[in-house]
Amino acid sequence: MGLQRAFRKALSLRRRFRQARMVARTLKSRRHPVLAHIIPIRRCNLACSYCNEYDKVSDPVPTAEMVRRIDLLAALGTEIITFSGGEPLLHPDLDELIRRIRSHGHIATLITNGYLLSQERIRQLNRAGLEHLQISIDNVQPDDVSKKSLRVLDKKLEWLAEFAEFDISINSVVGAGVKRPEDALIITRRALELGFETTVGAIHDPGGQLRPLPDADRTVYEQIQKEREPGFWAFAYDNLFQKNLVSGQPNDWQCRAGSRYLYICEDGLVHYCSQQRGYPAIPLEKYTSEDLEREYWTKKPCAPYCTVSCVHRVAMIDMVREDPRKALTKLFPPATPGVSTQVPLGVKILSSLFLPSESGRPQSRLSKTMAGAVMRVLGIK
């Protein structure tokens, strides 16, 4: 067991390095997508009452067509390609599609309800080269709102903890209409016990817009935030977006959907996101650098109350790239007004290497040398 844990730790560190190189490339250039969600099948084996992203009848997208779409995304320079749905594990050749992404040197991830996971299916995903898997769990016991329950999925989570060689994130949702808001806290604690990453979000309406949280849900959300100990990037995301959303307040940000984030439906059309299907609805094979540039600057009227976290997180990278010092102030605000910002040590080190001195003094020779070495390691020099 000790050797197995050490092996998985080494794999995780290797993935973290690849992710760091991806972020570095993204900070260097805004002329390629960071993340694309692609739908291999719209059908789902569940029917959660709040979900608007599935049907019960669709066939899988033909494998050859999926391969073509993956190749088109790779040609655009897409860094991360995520399979979503529907339920992507229903696609008979999903492993082949994961391998296709990896053959381009890009990151392959999967969003699933987890129902179809078995020990052997997890091993197959290992062999295919999957790098990250996310499951959203809505309640402890299944009910008429959602069957994505901890009781049903807990054994599968144990199998993931034992056999998966990819990173795992468990998402819980508050405000989903479940009978017991405190279920989200129980789910988070179980995920932490198994060693998984955790996220928590506020449910959106069919247009991806915010539903204000009732007091009971907000109390649960705040307790989850205290216990989950997010990494600095997740911590920054909570500061910039989630705190406003759970308070029912709008966010002031530039959505980059259609440029840095793409959503490719089962028909092969590019949309802003899962909740804004129909815009711009251009076939992927006709999507060009001009489209990426246009949508980078397009103001989306849905942005202020948007709850689609994938689009938020992608936008954060461009905030840092465009005005790093201003972005750091927003991402890591002081706990008390008038107190200096508490930036994590790693961010401080990188800032000292790559940002001009606030005092205006020229960068030292040692700092220039270290910055150059870091850039070479990350493959951006």
Protein backbone atom coordinates (compact mmCIF):
# COMPACT_ATOMS: atom_id res chain seq x y z
CA MET A 1 0.00 0.00 0.00
CA GLY A 2 2.88 2.36 0.78
CA LEU A 3 4.43 1.82 -2.67
CA GLN A 4 1.06 2.34 -4.30
CA ARG A 5 0.56 5.65 -2.49
CA ALA A 6 4.07 6.78 -3.41
CA PHE A 7 3.42 5.89 -7.07
CA ARG A 8 0.16 7.83 -7.09
CA LYS A 9 1.85 10.79 -5.38
CA ALA A 10 4.55 10.82 -8.06
CA LEU A 11 1.89 10.75 -10.80
CA SER A 12 0.05 13.61 -9.12
CA LEU A 13 3.22 15.72 -8.90
CA ARG A 14 3.88 15.05 -12.58
CA ARG A 15 0.36 16.23 -13.43
CA ARG A 16 0.84 19.35 -11.32
CA PHE A 17 3.97 20.18 -13.30
CA ARG A 18 2.11 19.71 -16.60
CA GLN A 19 -0.67 21.94 -15.30
CA ALA A 20 1.88 24.60 -14.31
CA ARG A 21 3.30 24.53 -17.85
CA MET A 22 -0.22 24.87 -19.23
CA VAL A 23 -0.89 27.93 -17.05
CA ALA A 24 2.44 29.43 -18.11
CA ARG A 25 1.56 29.03 -21.81
CA THR A 26 -1.85 30.54 -21.14
CA LEU A 27 -0.33 33.54 -19.38
CA LYS A 28 2.07 34.04 -22.27
CA SER A 29 -0.60 34.10 -24.99
CA ARG A 30 -4.36 34.65 -25.11
CA ARG A 31 -4.72 33.41 -28.68
CA HIS A 32 -5.81 29.85 -27.91
CA PRO A 33 -8.56 28.18 -25.83
CA VAL A 34 -7.67 27.13 -22.31
CA LEU A 35 -10.57 24.70 -21.78
CA ALA A 36 -13.17 23.03 -23.97
CA HIS A 37 -16.09 20.90 -22.85
CA ILE A 38 -17.09 18.43 -25.54
CA ILE A 39 -20.22 16.25 -25.53
CA PRO A 40 -19.74 12.66 -26.76
CA ILE A 41 -23.36 11.75 -25.93
CA ARG A 42 -26.37 13.73 -24.75
CA ARG A 43 -28.12 10.72 -23.23
CA CYS A 44 -27.89 10.14 -19.48
CA ASN A 45 -28.71 7.15 -17.30
CA LEU A 46 -30.18 9.48 -14.66
CA ALA A 47 -32.89 12.15 -14.74
CA CYS A 48 -32.12 14.79 -12.08
CA SER A 49 -35.03 17.23 -12.02
CA TYR A 50 -32.90 20.40 -12.03
CA CYS A 51 -30.66 19.37 -14.94
CA ASN A 52 -31.15 20.71 -18.48
CA GLU A 53 -28.15 18.98 -20.07
CA TYR A 54 -29.43 15.50 -20.95
CA ASP A 55 -32.02 13.46 -22.82
CA LYS A 56 -33.02 9.78 -22.70
CA VAL A 57 -32.79 8.88 -26.39
CA SER A 58 -29.65 10.24 -28.10
CA ASP A 59 -27.13 7.91 -29.69
CA PRO A 60 -23.41 8.40 -29.07
CA VAL A 61 -21.62 10.76 -31.44
CA PRO A 62 -19.77 8.45 -33.90
CA THR A 63 -16.21 7.79 -32.78
CA ALA A 64 -14.65 8.97 -36.04
CA GLU A 65 -16.51 12.27 -35.72
CA MET A 66 -15.41 12.68 -32.11
CA VAL A 67 -11.80 12.06 -33.13
CA ARG A 68 -12.14 14.72 -35.83
CA ARG A 69 -13.50 17.23 -33.30
CA ILE A 70 -10.69 16.49 -30.86
CA ASP A 71 -8.16 17.06 -33.65
CA LEU A 72 -9.84 20.38 -34.50
CA LEU A 73 -9.66 21.50 -30.87
CA ALA A 74 -6.00 20.49 -30.76
CA ALA A 75 -5.36 22.53 -33.91
CA LEU A 76 -6.81 25.57 -32.12
CA GLY A 77 -4.28 24.97 -29.32
CA THR A 78 -6.83 23.93 -26.67
CA GLU A 79 -4.98 23.08 -23.45
CA ILE A 80 -7.63 20.99 -21.61
CA ILE A 81 -10.42 18.93 -23.18
CA THR A 82 -13.16 17.72 -20.84
CA PHE A 83 -15.82 15.15 -21.68
CA SER A 84 -19.23 16.10 -20.34
CA GLY A 85 -22.79 15.17 -21.17
CA GLY A 86 -25.25 13.63 -20.69
CA GLU A 87 -23.20 10.84 -19.22
CA PRO A 88 -19.93 10.46 -21.16
CA LEU A 89 -19.22 6.98 -19.78
CA LEU A 90 -22.11 5.78 -21.97
CA HIS A 91 -19.96 6.38 -25.05
CA PRO A 92 -18.59 2.96 -26.11
CA ASP A 93 -15.20 4.32 -27.25
CA LEU A 94 -14.52 6.92 -24.56
CA ASP A 95 -11.11 5.43 -23.74
CA GLU A 96 -10.03 5.76 -27.36
CA LEU A 97 -11.10 9.40 -27.28
CA ILE A 98 -9.10 10.04 -24.10
CA ARG A 99 -6.04 8.52 -25.74
CA ARG A 100 -6.57 10.78 -28.75
CA ILE A 101 -6.43 13.87 -26.55
CA ARG A 102 -3.28 12.63 -24.86
CA SER A 103 -1.68 11.91 -28.25
CA HIS A 104 -1.78 15.66 -28.91
CA GLY A 105 -0.07 16.35 -25.59
CA HIS A 106 -3.15 17.95 -24.05
CA ILE A 107 -4.90 17.34 -20.71
CA ALA A 108 -7.88 14.94 -20.73
CA THR A 109 -10.56 15.23 -18.04
CA LEU A 110 -14.02 13.79 -17.41
CA ILE A 111 -17.23 14.89 -15.66
CA THR A 112 -19.42 11.92 -14.73
CA ASN A 113 -22.25 10.98 -12.38
CA GLY A 114 -20.13 7.99 -11.33
CA TYR A 115 -22.85 5.35 -11.61
CA LEU A 116 -21.04 3.32 -14.28
CA LEU A 117 -17.72 3.15 -12.45
CA SER A 118 -16.36 -0.23 -11.40
CA GLN A 119 -12.90 -1.37 -10.38
CA GLU A 120 -12.13 -2.50 -13.92
CA ARG A 121 -13.61 0.65 -15.49
CA ILE A 122 -11.32 2.76 -13.28
CA ARG A 123 -8.32 0.70 -14.39
CA GLN A 124 -9.34 1.22 -18.03
CA LEU A 125 -9.43 4.98 -17.49
CA ASN A 126 -5.95 4.73 -15.95
CA ARG A 127 -4.66 2.94 -19.02
CA ALA A 128 -6.31 5.45 -21.36
CA GLY A 129 -4.42 8.28 -19.65
CA LEU A 130 -7.25 10.20 -17.96
CA GLU A 131 -5.83 12.96 -15.76
CA HIS A 132 -8.80 14.29 -13.80
CA LEU A 133 -12.32 13.11 -12.95
CA GLN A 134 -15.13 15.11 -11.32
CA ILE A 135 -18.31 13.79 -9.75
CA SER A 136 -21.10 15.98 -8.41
CA ILE A 137 -23.02 14.47 -5.49
CA ASP A 138 -26.25 16.19 -4.52
CA ASN A 139 -27.52 14.43 -1.41
CA VAL A 140 -26.87 11.64 1.08
CA GLN A 141 -29.99 9.63 0.25
CA PRO A 142 -31.55 9.59 -3.26
CA ASP A 143 -34.84 11.46 -3.62
CA ASP A 144 -37.16 12.77 -6.34
CA VAL A 145 -34.78 15.66 -7.12
CA SER A 146 -31.56 13.70 -7.63
CA LYS A 147 -30.28 10.14 -7.54
CA LYS A 148 -26.64 11.32 -7.35
CA SER A 149 -26.42 10.37 -3.70
CA LEU A 150 -23.59 9.48 -1.35
CA ARG A 151 -25.32 6.27 -0.29
CA VAL A 152 -25.33 4.98 -3.85
CA LEU A 153 -21.87 6.24 -4.82
CA ASP A 154 -19.83 5.71 -1.67
CA LYS A 155 -18.46 2.29 -2.66
CA LYS A 156 -17.42 3.72 -6.03
CA LEU A 157 -15.63 6.54 -4.22
CA GLU A 158 -13.73 3.94 -2.20
CA TRP A 159 -12.72 2.19 -5.43
CA LEU A 160 -11.52 5.51 -6.86
CA ALA A 161 -9.47 6.14 -3.72
CA GLU A 162 -7.87 2.70 -4.04
CA PHE A 163 -7.36 2.28 -7.78
CA ALA A 164 -7.47 5.62 -9.62
CA GLU A 165 -4.20 7.02 -10.93
CA PHE A 166 -5.87 10.30 -11.91
CA ASP A 167 -6.91 13.27 -9.76
CA ILE A 168 -10.44 13.24 -8.35
CA SER A 169 -12.67 16.14 -7.40
CA ILE A 170 -16.00 15.79 -5.63
CA ASN A 171 -18.42 18.66 -6.09
CA SER A 172 -21.32 19.35 -3.76
CA VAL A 173 -24.05 21.87 -4.50
CA VAL A 174 -26.04 24.12 -2.21
CA GLY A 175 -29.42 25.52 -3.18
CA ALA A 176 -30.26 22.50 -5.35
CA GLY A 177 -33.66 21.97 -3.80
CA VAL A 178 -32.58 18.94 -1.79
CA LYS A 179 -34.48 18.33 1.41
CA ARG A 180 -31.42 18.53 3.66
CA PRO A 181 -28.96 21.37 2.89
CA GLU A 182 -26.54 19.88 5.43
CA ASP A 183 -26.04 16.92 3.06
CA ALA A 184 -23.49 19.02 1.15
CA LEU A 185 -21.33 19.23 4.29
CA ILE A 186 -21.53 15.46 4.86
CA ILE A 187 -20.49 14.86 1.24
CA THR A 188 -17.55 17.25 1.55
CA ARG A 189 -16.33 15.60 4.75
CA ARG A 190 -16.47 12.15 3.15
CA ALA A 191 -14.53 13.38 0.11
CA LEU A 192 -11.85 14.91 2.33
CA GLU A 193 -11.65 11.68 4.34
CA LEU A 194 -10.90 9.79 1.12
CA GLY A 195 -8.21 12.28 0.12
CA PHE A 196 -10.08 13.92 -2.77
CA GLU A 197 -10.19 17.53 -3.86
CA THR A 198 -13.52 19.21 -3.12
CA THR A 199 -15.51 22.04 -4.61
CA VAL A 200 -18.86 23.54 -3.69
CA GLY A 201 -21.11 25.68 -5.85
CA ALA A 202 -24.46 27.42 -5.89
CA ILE A 203 -27.14 25.96 -8.11
CA HIS A 204 -28.13 27.93 -11.21
CA ASP A 205 -31.39 28.26 -13.09
CA PRO A 206 -31.82 26.92 -16.68
CA GLY A 207 -30.03 30.00 -18.02
CA GLY A 208 -26.99 29.55 -15.81
CA GLN A 209 -28.05 32.44 -13.60
CA LEU A 210 -27.85 32.75 -9.85
CA ARG A 211 -30.55 31.58 -7.49
CA PRO A 212 -30.12 33.44 -4.17
CA LEU A 213 -29.26 31.03 -1.36
CA PRO A 214 -31.66 30.55 1.55
CA ASP A 215 -30.10 31.17 4.99
CA ALA A 216 -29.82 27.45 5.80
CA ASP A 217 -27.92 26.75 2.56
CA ARG A 218 -25.62 29.72 3.10
CA THR A 219 -24.77 28.53 6.61
CA VAL A 220 -23.83 25.11 5.21
CA TYR A 221 -21.78 26.73 2.45
CA GLU A 222 -19.78 28.80 4.94
CA GLN A 223 -19.07 25.74 7.10
CA ILE A 224 -17.86 23.81 4.05
CA GLN A 225 -15.49 26.63 3.19
CA LYS A 226 -14.00 26.48 6.67
CA GLU A 227 -13.36 22.74 6.48
CA ARG A 228 -12.26 22.09 2.92
CA GLU A 229 -8.98 24.09 3.08
CA PRO A 230 -8.84 25.00 -0.62
CA GLY A 231 -5.56 25.50 -2.44
CA PHE A 232 -4.55 29.06 -3.29
CA TRP A 233 -6.21 29.02 -6.75
CA ALA A 234 -9.51 27.73 -5.34
CA PHE A 235 -9.19 30.17 -2.45
CA ALA A 236 -8.74 33.00 -4.94
CA TYR A 237 -11.78 31.82 -6.91
CA ASP A 238 -13.92 31.86 -3.78
CA ASN A 239 -12.80 35.43 -3.04
CA LEU A 240 -13.41 36.70 -6.54
CA PHE A 241 -16.68 34.98 -7.47
CA GLN A 242 -18.30 32.74 -4.88
CA LYS A 243 -18.55 35.21 -2.02
CA ASN A 244 -20.69 37.51 -4.13
CA LEU A 245 -22.77 34.72 -5.61
CA VAL A 246 -23.82 33.19 -2.30
CA SER A 247 -24.81 36.69 -1.19
CA GLY A 248 -26.92 37.19 -4.29
CA GLN A 249 -24.60 39.94 -5.58
CA PRO A 250 -23.39 40.37 -9.18
CA ASN A 251 -19.77 39.92 -10.24
CA ASP A 252 -17.89 42.47 -12.34
CA TRP A 253 -15.78 40.46 -14.80
CA GLN A 254 -15.14 39.87 -18.48
CA CYS A 255 -16.46 36.49 -19.64
CA ARG A 256 -14.16 34.88 -22.22
CA ALA A 257 -16.60 32.15 -23.34
CA GLY A 258 -16.31 31.47 -27.05
CA SER A 259 -12.60 32.26 -26.87
CA ARG A 260 -10.71 30.89 -23.87
CA TYR A 261 -13.57 28.53 -23.01
CA LEU A 262 -15.51 26.55 -25.64
CA TYR A 263 -18.54 24.30 -25.32
CA ILE A 264 -18.92 21.80 -28.18
CA CYS A 265 -22.37 20.21 -28.30
CA GLU A 266 -23.22 16.79 -29.73
CA ASP A 267 -23.91 18.45 -33.11
CA GLY A 268 -20.38 19.85 -33.27
CA LEU A 269 -21.36 23.48 -32.75
CA VAL A 270 -19.38 25.92 -30.60
CA HIS A 271 -21.45 27.60 -27.86
CA TYR A 272 -20.60 29.95 -25.00
CA CYS A 273 -21.38 27.33 -22.34
CA SER A 274 -23.83 24.59 -21.40
CA GLN A 275 -26.35 27.17 -20.20
CA GLN A 276 -26.09 29.49 -23.22
CA ARG A 277 -26.43 27.03 -26.06
CA GLY A 278 -27.26 28.81 -29.30
CA TYR A 279 -24.50 31.44 -29.18
CA PRO A 280 -22.49 31.72 -31.37
CA ALA A 281 -23.45 28.21 -32.65
CA ILE A 282 -20.72 28.04 -35.29
CA PRO A 283 -19.57 24.59 -36.51
CA LEU A 284 -16.23 23.71 -34.93
CA GLU A 285 -14.57 23.09 -38.29
CA LYS A 286 -15.40 26.69 -39.26
CA TYR A 287 -14.23 28.23 -35.98
CA THR A 288 -11.18 30.38 -36.55
CA SER A 289 -8.72 32.63 -34.75
CA GLU A 290 -10.94 35.56 -35.77
CA ASP A 291 -13.84 34.00 -33.85
CA LEU A 292 -11.60 33.50 -30.80
CA GLU A 293 -10.51 37.14 -30.96
CA ARG A 294 -14.06 38.48 -31.36
CA GLU A 295 -15.49 36.49 -28.48
CA TYR A 296 -12.56 37.36 -26.22
CA TRP A 297 -13.88 40.93 -26.15
CA THR A 298 -17.64 40.32 -26.51
CA LYS A 299 -19.65 41.46 -23.49
CA LYS A 300 -22.02 38.72 -22.34
CA PRO A 301 -25.19 40.08 -20.66
CA CYS A 302 -25.46 36.91 -18.55
CA ALA A 303 -22.02 37.42 -16.95
CA PRO A 304 -22.89 39.37 -13.74
CA TYR A 305 -25.02 36.59 -12.23
CA CYS A 306 -23.36 33.64 -13.97
CA THR A 307 -22.60 30.59 -11.79
CA VAL A 308 -20.67 28.51 -14.36
CA SER A 309 -17.42 28.04 -12.46
CA CYS A 310 -15.39 26.62 -15.37
CA VAL A 311 -15.77 29.88 -17.28
CA HIS A 312 -14.94 31.90 -14.16
CA ARG A 313 -11.73 29.98 -13.54
CA VAL A 314 -10.53 30.37 -17.11
CA ALA A 315 -11.17 34.13 -16.93
CA MET A 316 -9.01 34.36 -13.80
CA ILE A 317 -5.92 33.45 -15.81
CA ASP A 318 -6.47 36.35 -18.17
CA MET A 319 -7.06 38.71 -15.26
CA VAL A 320 -3.58 37.82 -14.03
CA ARG A 321 -2.08 38.05 -17.51
CA GLU A 322 -3.54 41.49 -18.28
CA ASP A 323 -2.91 43.28 -14.96
CA PRO A 324 -1.17 40.98 -12.49
CA ARG A 325 -0.89 43.36 -9.54
CA LYS A 326 -4.53 44.44 -9.76
CA ALA A 327 -5.57 40.80 -10.14
CA LEU A 328 -3.62 39.74 -7.04
CA THR A 329 -5.38 42.43 -5.03
CA LYS A 330 -8.75 41.06 -6.15
CA LEU A 331 -7.83 37.40 -5.76
CA PHE A 332 -6.31 37.78 -2.30
CA PRO A 333 -8.10 40.69 -0.60
CA PRO A 334 -7.17 41.58 2.99
CA ALA A 335 -9.32 39.95 5.66
CA THR A 336 -9.71 43.38 7.28
CA PRO A 337 -9.97 46.67 5.36
CA GLY A 338 -6.77 48.69 5.59
CA VAL A 339 -4.59 45.63 6.24
CA SER A 340 -2.07 44.54 3.59
CA THR A 341 -3.05 41.67 1.29
CA GLN A 342 -2.00 38.22 2.50
CA VAL A 343 -0.62 36.71 -0.71
CA PRO A 344 0.56 33.05 -0.51
CA LEU A 345 4.33 32.56 -0.34
CA GLY A 346 4.54 30.84 -3.73
CA VAL A 347 2.70 33.71 -5.40
CA LYS A 348 5.01 36.21 -3.68
CA ILE A 349 8.08 34.41 -5.04
CA LEU A 350 6.71 34.32 -8.59
CA SER A 351 5.69 37.98 -8.34
CA SER A 352 9.20 38.98 -7.28
CA LEU A 353 10.65 37.07 -10.24
CA PHE A 354 8.32 38.20 -13.01
CA LEU A 355 6.68 41.50 -12.01
CA PRO A 356 8.36 44.92 -12.07
CA SER A 357 9.28 46.23 -8.65
CA GLU A 358 6.59 48.42 -7.07
CA SER A 359 9.37 50.82 -6.05
CA GLY A 360 10.54 51.17 -9.65
CA ARG A 361 13.97 49.68 -8.97
CA PRO A 362 15.39 47.53 -11.80
CA GLN A 363 15.34 43.75 -11.39
CA SER A 364 18.54 42.30 -9.95
CA ARG A 365 20.77 40.05 -12.04
CA LEU A 366 20.00 37.12 -9.74
CA SER A 367 16.25 37.61 -10.15
CA LYS A 368 16.62 37.80 -13.95
CA THR A 369 18.66 34.59 -13.95
CA MET A 370 16.14 32.76 -11.76
CA ALA A 371 13.21 34.01 -13.85
CA GLY A 372 14.88 32.76 -17.02
CA ALA A 373 15.52 29.37 -15.46
CA VAL A 374 11.88 29.04 -14.37
CA MET A 375 10.69 29.98 -17.87
CA ARG A 376 12.93 27.36 -19.45
CA VAL A 377 11.68 24.67 -17.07
CA LEU A 378 8.08 25.59 -17.92
CA GLY A 379 8.86 25.46 -21.61
CA ILE A 380 7.97 29.09 -22.41
CA LYS A 381 11.44 30.34 -23.30
